[in-house]
Amino acid sequence: MPDFAPLPALPYFAVIFTAQRAEGDHGYTAMADRMSDMALSSPGCLGMESTRHAGGFGITVSYWRDEASILAWKADAQHLVAQQLGQDRWYTHYNLRVALVERHYSGPEGRAPVRD
């Protein structure tokens, strides 16, 4: 399943970013692609899943080994630029949530919880 991030060893963190895009691209696609590549190559990033509705609503979930890795990514200079552009140009609204994942499941085959 190439669109699914691998299930890493428990526990791990999930950063859940939901956003409503503004009209027009304004450089968004190129920056989003660059940020995804950078995040995935950042120390502590375990994987990412993302989807966007045709109306502009999107969800990206990135998975991280620990909070220090999340904070380092948040403070990355190029990511800070993208965050500011998101606020100024690309999003009409967004929510960001950070969660500790203590249990995960996969299915429909083998629906038993995966415990590491």
Protein backbone atom coordinates (compact mmCIF):
# COMPACT_ATOMS: atom_id res chain seq x y z
CA MET A 1 0.00 0.00 0.00
CA PRO A 2 2.20 2.87 -1.22
CA ASP A 3 -0.08 5.66 0.08
CA PHE A 4 0.09 4.35 3.64
CA ALA A 5 3.01 5.19 5.90
CA PRO A 6 4.61 2.12 7.47
CA LEU A 7 3.52 1.31 11.01
CA PRO A 8 6.58 2.06 13.15
CA ALA A 9 7.36 0.69 16.58
CA LEU A 10 5.11 2.02 19.32
CA PRO A 11 4.85 4.56 20.79
CA TYR A 12 5.35 7.38 18.30
CA PHE A 13 3.88 10.81 17.63
CA ALA A 14 1.46 11.95 14.93
CA VAL A 15 1.29 15.55 13.76
CA ILE A 16 -2.14 16.06 12.18
CA PHE A 17 -2.41 19.13 9.94
CA THR A 18 -5.86 19.92 8.51
CA ALA A 19 -6.28 22.95 6.30
CA GLN A 20 -8.61 24.72 3.92
CA ARG A 21 -6.71 26.06 0.90
CA ALA A 22 -7.33 29.52 -0.51
CA GLU A 23 -8.07 29.93 -4.24
CA GLY A 24 -5.12 29.67 -6.64
CA ASP A 25 -1.79 27.90 -6.36
CA HIS A 26 0.56 30.86 -5.70
CA GLY A 27 3.56 28.51 -5.45
CA TYR A 28 1.83 26.14 -3.02
CA THR A 29 2.34 22.88 -4.94
CA ALA A 30 6.08 23.34 -5.39
CA MET A 31 6.55 24.31 -1.74
CA ALA A 32 4.35 21.47 -0.46
CA ASP A 33 6.36 18.95 -2.49
CA ARG A 34 9.62 20.39 -1.17
CA MET A 35 8.39 20.41 2.44
CA SER A 36 7.21 16.79 2.19
CA ASP A 37 10.59 15.68 0.85
CA MET A 38 12.43 17.65 3.53
CA ALA A 39 10.22 16.36 6.36
CA LEU A 40 10.62 12.76 5.23
CA SER A 41 14.42 13.15 5.24
CA SER A 42 14.46 14.86 8.65
CA PRO A 43 15.84 12.92 11.61
CA GLY A 44 12.99 11.33 13.51
CA CYS A 45 10.38 11.45 10.73
CA LEU A 46 8.86 7.98 10.34
CA GLY A 47 6.46 8.58 7.46
CA MET A 48 3.62 10.69 6.12
CA GLU A 49 0.12 10.36 4.67
CA SER A 50 -1.70 13.16 2.87
CA THR A 51 -4.92 13.75 0.97
CA ARG A 52 -6.73 16.78 -0.42
CA HIS A 53 -10.38 17.19 -1.44
CA ALA A 54 -11.12 18.93 -4.76
CA GLY A 55 -12.69 21.78 -2.74
CA GLY A 56 -9.34 22.50 -1.09
CA PHE A 57 -9.72 20.78 2.28
CA GLY A 58 -6.70 18.62 3.08
CA ILE A 59 -5.25 16.45 5.80
CA THR A 60 -1.59 15.58 6.24
CA VAL A 61 -0.46 13.30 9.03
CA SER A 62 3.26 12.98 9.68
CA TYR A 63 4.67 10.43 12.12
CA TRP A 64 7.63 11.17 14.38
CA ARG A 65 9.86 9.23 16.75
CA ASP A 66 9.74 11.87 19.52
CA GLU A 67 8.75 15.43 20.40
CA ALA A 68 12.32 16.71 19.95
CA SER A 69 12.19 15.67 16.28
CA ILE A 70 8.86 17.48 15.83
CA LEU A 71 10.22 20.65 17.42
CA ALA A 72 13.36 20.53 15.27
CA TRP A 73 11.22 20.26 12.12
CA LYS A 74 8.95 23.07 13.29
CA ALA A 75 12.00 25.31 13.76
CA ASP A 76 13.69 24.47 10.41
CA ALA A 77 14.42 27.75 8.59
CA GLN A 78 12.87 26.69 5.26
CA HIS A 79 9.85 25.22 7.06
CA LEU A 80 9.40 28.53 8.92
CA VAL A 81 9.21 30.32 5.56
CA ALA A 82 6.58 27.82 4.35
CA GLN A 83 4.60 28.25 7.58
CA GLN A 84 4.51 32.02 7.11
CA LEU A 85 3.48 31.72 3.46
CA GLY A 86 0.74 29.33 4.54
CA GLN A 87 -0.63 31.90 6.98
CA ASP A 88 -0.29 34.81 4.53
CA ARG A 89 -1.20 33.20 1.22
CA TRP A 90 -2.27 29.56 1.08
CA TYR A 91 -4.72 28.75 3.88
CA THR A 92 -8.02 30.31 4.90
CA HIS A 93 -7.98 28.17 8.07
CA TYR A 94 -5.94 25.34 9.56
CA ASN A 95 -5.66 23.17 12.66
CA LEU A 96 -2.57 21.39 13.90
CA ARG A 97 -2.71 18.62 16.46
CA VAL A 98 0.07 16.56 18.02
CA ALA A 99 -0.84 13.15 19.42
CA LEU A 100 0.99 10.26 21.03
CA VAL A 101 0.12 7.01 19.25
CA GLU A 102 0.06 4.11 21.69
CA ARG A 103 -1.90 1.62 19.59
CA HIS A 104 -2.35 1.04 15.87
CA TYR A 105 -4.28 -1.38 13.69
CA SER A 106 -4.14 -2.47 10.08
CA GLY A 107 -6.75 -4.24 7.98
CA PRO A 108 -9.00 -5.63 6.82
CA GLU A 109 -6.65 -8.61 6.77
CA GLY A 110 -5.25 -9.31 10.22
CA ARG A 111 -7.50 -6.89 12.12
CA ALA A 112 -5.84 -7.67 15.43
CA PRO A 113 -3.97 -4.69 16.92
CA VAL A 114 -0.30 -4.41 16.13
CA ARG A 115 1.66 -4.16 19.36
CA ASP A 116 5.38 -3.53 19.22
